[in-house]
Amino acid sequence: MDLSVILFLALLAGVGLTRLIELRISRRHQRELSRRGIPKQIDPQFRWMVFLHAAVLIGAGLEVVLLRRPFLPALAAAMTLLLAAAMALRWWVIRTLGAHWNVEVMASAPLGIVTKGPFRWVRHPNYAAVFVELVALPLIHTAWLTAILAAAGNAWVLRHRLRIEERVLHADPVYRATMAEKPRFLPKLF
């Protein structure tokens, strides 16, 4: 097995480890919010979100190993920079949201609306970062099939997730007044 493949598989394992750390943080935040009387919203599509993230990690590894995808240094460098930027944005979101952040939908708006950090410019910076991560990660080692399926799968999952999340968020009049006019994913440049 080539060194690039070994390093790519190690990267996939590292990203998988960060996802497990995020789940632990999320569960801690869920318990804290539950103690404060904030209910978790039912999201029947959540299992598909979890499946998608796991499938990208497994699929990218299998695609590279079984289909012998080439390592293209220029593509790898560009995608590694994109992945690092997306991961930095996601951790900025997690830090900014504090106890509000978790992987499930919870109506935490009554505890205060977060308008600092990346939320100064957009309503859902985390979803933009996740999209970039799910596409950039497989492309680091030219797993283009996984990247395409990840983009399509994420669009489908996100469509359902946003329907639930925005219904919950926009039910709070303070959230509506503060955030409704901001774009969802990308800031307005002008």
C-alpha atoms as a PDB file:
ATOM      1  CA  MET A   1       0.000   0.000   0.000  1.00  0.00           C
ATOM      2  CA  ASP A   2       1.353   3.422  -0.974  1.00  0.00           C
ATOM      3  CA  LEU A   3       2.319   5.918   1.706  1.00  0.00           C
ATOM      4  CA  SER A   4      -0.320   8.355   0.380  1.00  0.00           C
ATOM      5  CA  VAL A   5      -3.035   5.719   0.897  1.00  0.00           C
ATOM      6  CA  ILE A   6      -1.834   4.951   4.425  1.00  0.00           C
ATOM      7  CA  LEU A   7      -1.784   8.663   5.307  1.00  0.00           C
ATOM      8  CA  PHE A   8      -5.227   9.159   3.762  1.00  0.00           C
ATOM      9  CA  LEU A   9      -6.673   6.268   5.779  1.00  0.00           C
ATOM     10  CA  ALA A  10      -5.083   7.772   8.903  1.00  0.00           C
ATOM     11  CA  LEU A  11      -6.700  11.110   8.049  1.00  0.00           C
ATOM     12  CA  LEU A  12     -10.091   9.411   7.673  1.00  0.00           C
ATOM     13  CA  ALA A  13      -9.615   7.757  11.064  1.00  0.00           C
ATOM     14  CA  GLY A  14      -8.667  11.128  12.574  1.00  0.00           C
ATOM     15  CA  VAL A  15     -11.770  12.782  11.171  1.00  0.00           C
ATOM     16  CA  GLY A  16     -13.834   9.877  12.477  1.00  0.00           C
ATOM     17  CA  LEU A  17     -12.308  10.446  15.913  1.00  0.00           C
ATOM     18  CA  THR A  18     -13.244  14.134  15.810  1.00  0.00           C
ATOM     19  CA  ARG A  19     -16.825  13.133  14.972  1.00  0.00           C
ATOM     20  CA  LEU A  20     -16.887  10.922  18.083  1.00  0.00           C
ATOM     21  CA  ILE A  21     -15.550  13.817  20.172  1.00  0.00           C
ATOM     22  CA  GLU A  22     -18.273  16.052  18.736  1.00  0.00           C
ATOM     23  CA  LEU A  23     -20.929  13.476  19.659  1.00  0.00           C
ATOM     24  CA  ARG A  24     -19.642  13.472  23.218  1.00  0.00           C
ATOM     25  CA  ILE A  25     -19.771  17.279  23.377  1.00  0.00           C
ATOM     26  CA  SER A  26     -23.248  17.173  21.861  1.00  0.00           C
ATOM     27  CA  ARG A  27     -24.553  14.711  24.435  1.00  0.00           C
ATOM     28  CA  ARG A  28     -23.167  16.860  27.257  1.00  0.00           C
ATOM     29  CA  HIS A  29     -24.911  19.918  25.796  1.00  0.00           C
ATOM     30  CA  GLN A  30     -28.159  17.962  25.322  1.00  0.00           C
ATOM     31  CA  ARG A  31     -28.157  16.938  28.984  1.00  0.00           C
ATOM     32  CA  GLU A  32     -27.513  20.537  30.038  1.00  0.00           C
ATOM     33  CA  LEU A  33     -30.301  21.866  27.818  1.00  0.00           C
ATOM     34  CA  SER A  34     -32.689  19.153  29.019  1.00  0.00           C
ATOM     35  CA  ARG A  35     -31.989  20.137  32.635  1.00  0.00           C
ATOM     36  CA  ARG A  36     -32.971  23.672  31.663  1.00  0.00           C
ATOM     37  CA  GLY A  37     -36.281  22.447  30.245  1.00  0.00           C
ATOM     38  CA  ILE A  38     -35.358  22.570  26.554  1.00  0.00           C
ATOM     39  CA  PRO A  39     -36.906  19.607  24.694  1.00  0.00           C
ATOM     40  CA  LYS A  40     -35.217  17.691  21.891  1.00  0.00           C
ATOM     41  CA  GLN A  41     -37.171  17.836  18.642  1.00  0.00           C
ATOM     42  CA  ILE A  42     -37.974  14.607  16.843  1.00  0.00           C
ATOM     43  CA  ASP A  43     -36.020  14.361  13.588  1.00  0.00           C
ATOM     44  CA  PRO A  44     -36.782  11.087  11.791  1.00  0.00           C
ATOM     45  CA  GLN A  45     -34.032  11.878   9.256  1.00  0.00           C
ATOM     46  CA  PHE A  46     -31.264  12.213  11.874  1.00  0.00           C
ATOM     47  CA  ARG A  47     -30.205   8.588  11.417  1.00  0.00           C
ATOM     48  CA  TRP A  48     -29.539   9.366   7.748  1.00  0.00           C
ATOM     49  CA  MET A  49     -27.268  12.241   8.741  1.00  0.00           C
ATOM     50  CA  VAL A  50     -25.264   9.880  10.951  1.00  0.00           C
ATOM     51  CA  PHE A  51     -25.218   7.260   8.181  1.00  0.00           C
ATOM     52  CA  LEU A  52     -24.002   9.837   5.638  1.00  0.00           C
ATOM     53  CA  HIS A  53     -21.050  10.915   7.772  1.00  0.00           C
ATOM     54  CA  ALA A  54     -20.019   7.315   8.439  1.00  0.00           C
ATOM     55  CA  ALA A  55     -20.534   6.363   4.786  1.00  0.00           C
ATOM     56  CA  VAL A  56     -18.263   9.166   3.571  1.00  0.00           C
ATOM     57  CA  LEU A  57     -15.445   8.031   5.864  1.00  0.00           C
ATOM     58  CA  ILE A  58     -15.826   4.362   4.919  1.00  0.00           C
ATOM     59  CA  GLY A  59     -16.645   5.012   1.272  1.00  0.00           C
ATOM     60  CA  ALA A  60     -13.665   7.301   0.670  1.00  0.00           C
ATOM     61  CA  GLY A  61     -11.311   4.712   2.148  1.00  0.00           C
ATOM     62  CA  LEU A  62     -12.808   1.865   0.149  1.00  0.00           C
ATOM     63  CA  GLU A  63     -12.838   3.890  -3.062  1.00  0.00           C
ATOM     64  CA  VAL A  64      -9.167   4.799  -2.722  1.00  0.00           C
ATOM     65  CA  VAL A  65      -8.083   1.254  -1.837  1.00  0.00           C
ATOM     66  CA  LEU A  66     -10.342  -0.818  -4.085  1.00  0.00           C
ATOM     67  CA  LEU A  67     -10.477   1.464  -7.112  1.00  0.00           C
ATOM     68  CA  ARG A  68      -6.839   2.540  -6.737  1.00  0.00           C
ATOM     69  CA  ARG A  69      -7.545   6.231  -6.941  1.00  0.00           C
ATOM     70  CA  PRO A  70      -4.424   8.233  -7.737  1.00  0.00           C
ATOM     71  CA  PHE A  71      -2.884  10.776  -5.419  1.00  0.00           C
ATOM     72  CA  LEU A  72      -2.706  14.139  -7.182  1.00  0.00           C
ATOM     73  CA  PRO A  73      -0.574  16.511  -5.080  1.00  0.00           C
ATOM     74  CA  ALA A  74      -2.138  19.744  -6.379  1.00  0.00           C
ATOM     75  CA  LEU A  75      -5.691  18.482  -5.788  1.00  0.00           C
ATOM     76  CA  ALA A  76      -4.686  17.076  -2.393  1.00  0.00           C
ATOM     77  CA  ALA A  77      -3.168  20.402  -1.324  1.00  0.00           C
ATOM     78  CA  ALA A  78      -6.220  22.416  -2.384  1.00  0.00           C
ATOM     79  CA  MET A  79      -8.674  19.982  -0.756  1.00  0.00           C
ATOM     80  CA  THR A  80      -6.604  19.785   2.431  1.00  0.00           C
ATOM     81  CA  LEU A  81      -6.747  23.582   2.720  1.00  0.00           C
ATOM     82  CA  LEU A  82     -10.516  23.520   2.136  1.00  0.00           C
ATOM     83  CA  LEU A  83     -10.945  20.748   4.697  1.00  0.00           C
ATOM     84  CA  ALA A  84      -8.840  22.609   7.280  1.00  0.00           C
ATOM     85  CA  ALA A  85     -10.824  25.825   6.718  1.00  0.00           C
ATOM     86  CA  ALA A  86     -14.150  23.977   7.005  1.00  0.00           C
ATOM     87  CA  MET A  87     -13.043  22.199  10.176  1.00  0.00           C
ATOM     88  CA  ALA A  88     -11.856  25.480  11.670  1.00  0.00           C
ATOM     89  CA  LEU A  89     -15.234  27.047  10.863  1.00  0.00           C
ATOM     90  CA  ARG A  90     -17.087  24.128  12.485  1.00  0.00           C
ATOM     91  CA  TRP A  91     -15.040  24.370  15.678  1.00  0.00           C
ATOM     92  CA  TRP A  92     -15.600  28.136  15.666  1.00  0.00           C
ATOM     93  CA  VAL A  93     -19.341  27.420  15.466  1.00  0.00           C
ATOM     94  CA  ILE A  94     -19.151  24.889  18.315  1.00  0.00           C
ATOM     95  CA  ARG A  95     -17.219  27.328  20.483  1.00  0.00           C
ATOM     96  CA  THR A  96     -19.495  30.262  19.616  1.00  0.00           C
ATOM     97  CA  LEU A  97     -22.727  28.374  20.284  1.00  0.00           C
ATOM     98  CA  GLY A  98     -21.464  26.856  23.518  1.00  0.00           C
ATOM     99  CA  ALA A  99     -24.234  24.884  25.233  1.00  0.00           C
ATOM    100  CA  HIS A 100     -26.618  25.676  22.356  1.00  0.00           C
ATOM    101  CA  TRP A 101     -24.598  23.483  19.973  1.00  0.00           C
ATOM    102  CA  ASN A 102     -25.455  19.849  19.473  1.00  0.00           C
ATOM    103  CA  VAL A 103     -26.169  17.446  16.651  1.00  0.00           C
ATOM    104  CA  GLU A 104     -29.884  17.212  17.405  1.00  0.00           C
ATOM    105  CA  VAL A 105     -32.479  19.968  17.021  1.00  0.00           C
ATOM    106  CA  MET A 106     -33.302  21.599  20.359  1.00  0.00           C
ATOM    107  CA  ALA A 107     -35.330  24.780  20.843  1.00  0.00           C
ATOM    108  CA  SER A 108     -32.682  26.658  22.839  1.00  0.00           C
ATOM    109  CA  ALA A 109     -33.570  30.132  21.507  1.00  0.00           C
ATOM    110  CA  PRO A 110     -35.325  31.134  24.772  1.00  0.00           C
ATOM    111  CA  LEU A 111     -31.902  30.931  26.449  1.00  0.00           C
ATOM    112  CA  GLY A 112     -30.626  33.660  24.129  1.00  0.00           C
ATOM    113  CA  ILE A 113     -29.911  34.183  20.451  1.00  0.00           C
ATOM    114  CA  VAL A 114     -26.294  33.762  19.379  1.00  0.00           C
ATOM    115  CA  THR A 115     -25.330  36.603  17.049  1.00  0.00           C
ATOM    116  CA  LYS A 116     -21.551  36.645  17.454  1.00  0.00           C
ATOM    117  CA  GLY A 117     -18.849  34.712  15.641  1.00  0.00           C
ATOM    118  CA  PRO A 118     -19.927  33.430  12.225  1.00  0.00           C
ATOM    119  CA  PHE A 119     -23.578  34.045  13.184  1.00  0.00           C
ATOM    120  CA  ARG A 120     -22.977  37.755  12.565  1.00  0.00           C
ATOM    121  CA  TRP A 121     -23.207  36.970   8.866  1.00  0.00           C
ATOM    122  CA  VAL A 122     -25.218  33.750   8.361  1.00  0.00           C
ATOM    123  CA  ARG A 123     -27.791  31.584  10.134  1.00  0.00           C
ATOM    124  CA  HIS A 124     -26.240  28.155   9.472  1.00  0.00           C
ATOM    125  CA  PRO A 125     -22.444  28.345   9.106  1.00  0.00           C
ATOM    126  CA  ASN A 126     -22.064  24.804  10.463  1.00  0.00           C
ATOM    127  CA  TYR A 127     -23.992  23.304   7.551  1.00  0.00           C
ATOM    128  CA  ALA A 128     -21.859  25.197   5.029  1.00  0.00           C
ATOM    129  CA  ALA A 129     -18.731  23.866   6.735  1.00  0.00           C
ATOM    130  CA  VAL A 130     -20.051  20.292   6.815  1.00  0.00           C
ATOM    131  CA  PHE A 131     -20.857  20.429   3.106  1.00  0.00           C
ATOM    132  CA  VAL A 132     -17.313  21.523   2.280  1.00  0.00           C
ATOM    133  CA  GLU A 133     -15.852  18.860   4.594  1.00  0.00           C
ATOM    134  CA  LEU A 134     -17.884  16.037   3.073  1.00  0.00           C
ATOM    135  CA  VAL A 135     -16.774  16.968  -0.440  1.00  0.00           C
ATOM    136  CA  ALA A 136     -13.165  18.024   0.224  1.00  0.00           C
ATOM    137  CA  LEU A 137     -12.203  15.054   2.400  1.00  0.00           C
ATOM    138  CA  PRO A 138     -12.682  12.333  -0.258  1.00  0.00           C
ATOM    139  CA  LEU A 139     -11.101  14.510  -2.945  1.00  0.00           C
ATOM    140  CA  ILE A 140      -7.831  14.699  -1.007  1.00  0.00           C
ATOM    141  CA  HIS A 141      -7.077  11.310  -2.555  1.00  0.00           C
ATOM    142  CA  THR A 142      -9.284  11.643  -5.667  1.00  0.00           C
ATOM    143  CA  ALA A 143     -12.268   9.683  -4.318  1.00  0.00           C
ATOM    144  CA  TRP A 144     -14.536  11.622  -6.643  1.00  0.00           C
ATOM    145  CA  LEU A 145     -17.394   9.128  -6.565  1.00  0.00           C
ATOM    146  CA  THR A 146     -17.652   9.418  -2.771  1.00  0.00           C
ATOM    147  CA  ALA A 147     -17.473  13.213  -3.056  1.00  0.00           C
ATOM    148  CA  ILE A 148     -20.369  13.304  -5.541  1.00  0.00           C
ATOM    149  CA  LEU A 149     -22.495  10.948  -3.449  1.00  0.00           C
ATOM    150  CA  ALA A 150     -21.624  12.930  -0.300  1.00  0.00           C
ATOM    151  CA  ALA A 151     -22.732  16.196  -1.904  1.00  0.00           C
ATOM    152  CA  ALA A 152     -26.010  14.699  -3.124  1.00  0.00           C
ATOM    153  CA  GLY A 153     -26.672  12.880   0.144  1.00  0.00           C
ATOM    154  CA  ASN A 154     -25.895  15.951   2.207  1.00  0.00           C
ATOM    155  CA  ALA A 155     -28.233  18.088   0.094  1.00  0.00           C
ATOM    156  CA  TRP A 156     -31.040  15.576   0.697  1.00  0.00           C
ATOM    157  CA  VAL A 157     -30.355  15.270   4.445  1.00  0.00           C
ATOM    158  CA  LEU A 158     -29.980  19.020   4.853  1.00  0.00           C
ATOM    159  CA  ARG A 159     -33.238  19.726   3.044  1.00  0.00           C
ATOM    160  CA  HIS A 160     -35.121  17.684   5.634  1.00  0.00           C
ATOM    161  CA  ARG A 161     -33.052  18.884   8.588  1.00  0.00           C
ATOM    162  CA  LEU A 162     -33.498  22.570   7.786  1.00  0.00           C
ATOM    163  CA  ARG A 163     -37.253  22.152   7.486  1.00  0.00           C
ATOM    164  CA  ILE A 164     -37.373  20.963  11.116  1.00  0.00           C
ATOM    165  CA  GLU A 165     -34.673  23.250  12.494  1.00  0.00           C
ATOM    166  CA  GLU A 166     -35.943  26.448  10.929  1.00  0.00           C
ATOM    167  CA  ARG A 167     -39.509  25.705  12.034  1.00  0.00           C
ATOM    168  CA  VAL A 168     -38.229  25.434  15.613  1.00  0.00           C
ATOM    169  CA  LEU A 169     -35.963  28.483  15.389  1.00  0.00           C
ATOM    170  CA  HIS A 170     -38.470  30.742  13.639  1.00  0.00           C
ATOM    171  CA  ALA A 171     -41.112  29.892  16.258  1.00  0.00           C
ATOM    172  CA  ASP A 172     -39.152  32.164  18.591  1.00  0.00           C
ATOM    173  CA  PRO A 173     -40.041  35.814  17.837  1.00  0.00           C
ATOM    174  CA  VAL A 174     -36.665  37.108  19.036  1.00  0.00           C
ATOM    175  CA  TYR A 175     -34.837  34.696  16.747  1.00  0.00           C
ATOM    176  CA  ARG A 176     -37.080  35.702  13.836  1.00  0.00           C
ATOM    177  CA  ALA A 177     -36.437  39.402  14.429  1.00  0.00           C
ATOM    178  CA  THR A 178     -32.694  38.924  14.854  1.00  0.00           C
ATOM    179  CA  MET A 179     -31.779  36.268  12.298  1.00  0.00           C
ATOM    180  CA  ALA A 180     -34.523  35.829   9.678  1.00  0.00           C
ATOM    181  CA  GLU A 181     -33.029  38.330   7.223  1.00  0.00           C
ATOM    182  CA  LYS A 182     -29.554  36.793   7.314  1.00  0.00           C
ATOM    183  CA  PRO A 183     -28.659  34.331   4.563  1.00  0.00           C
ATOM    184  CA  ARG A 184     -28.596  30.639   5.438  1.00  0.00           C
ATOM    185  CA  PHE A 185     -25.078  29.565   4.442  1.00  0.00           C
ATOM    186  CA  LEU A 186     -22.985  32.201   2.680  1.00  0.00           C
ATOM    187  CA  PRO A 187     -22.620  35.820   3.774  1.00  0.00           C
ATOM    188  CA  LYS A 188     -23.794  38.617   1.539  1.00  0.00           C
ATOM    189  CA  LEU A 189     -20.739  40.264   0.061  1.00  0.00           C
ATOM    190  CA  PHE A 190     -22.366  43.616  -0.677  1.00  0.00           C
END
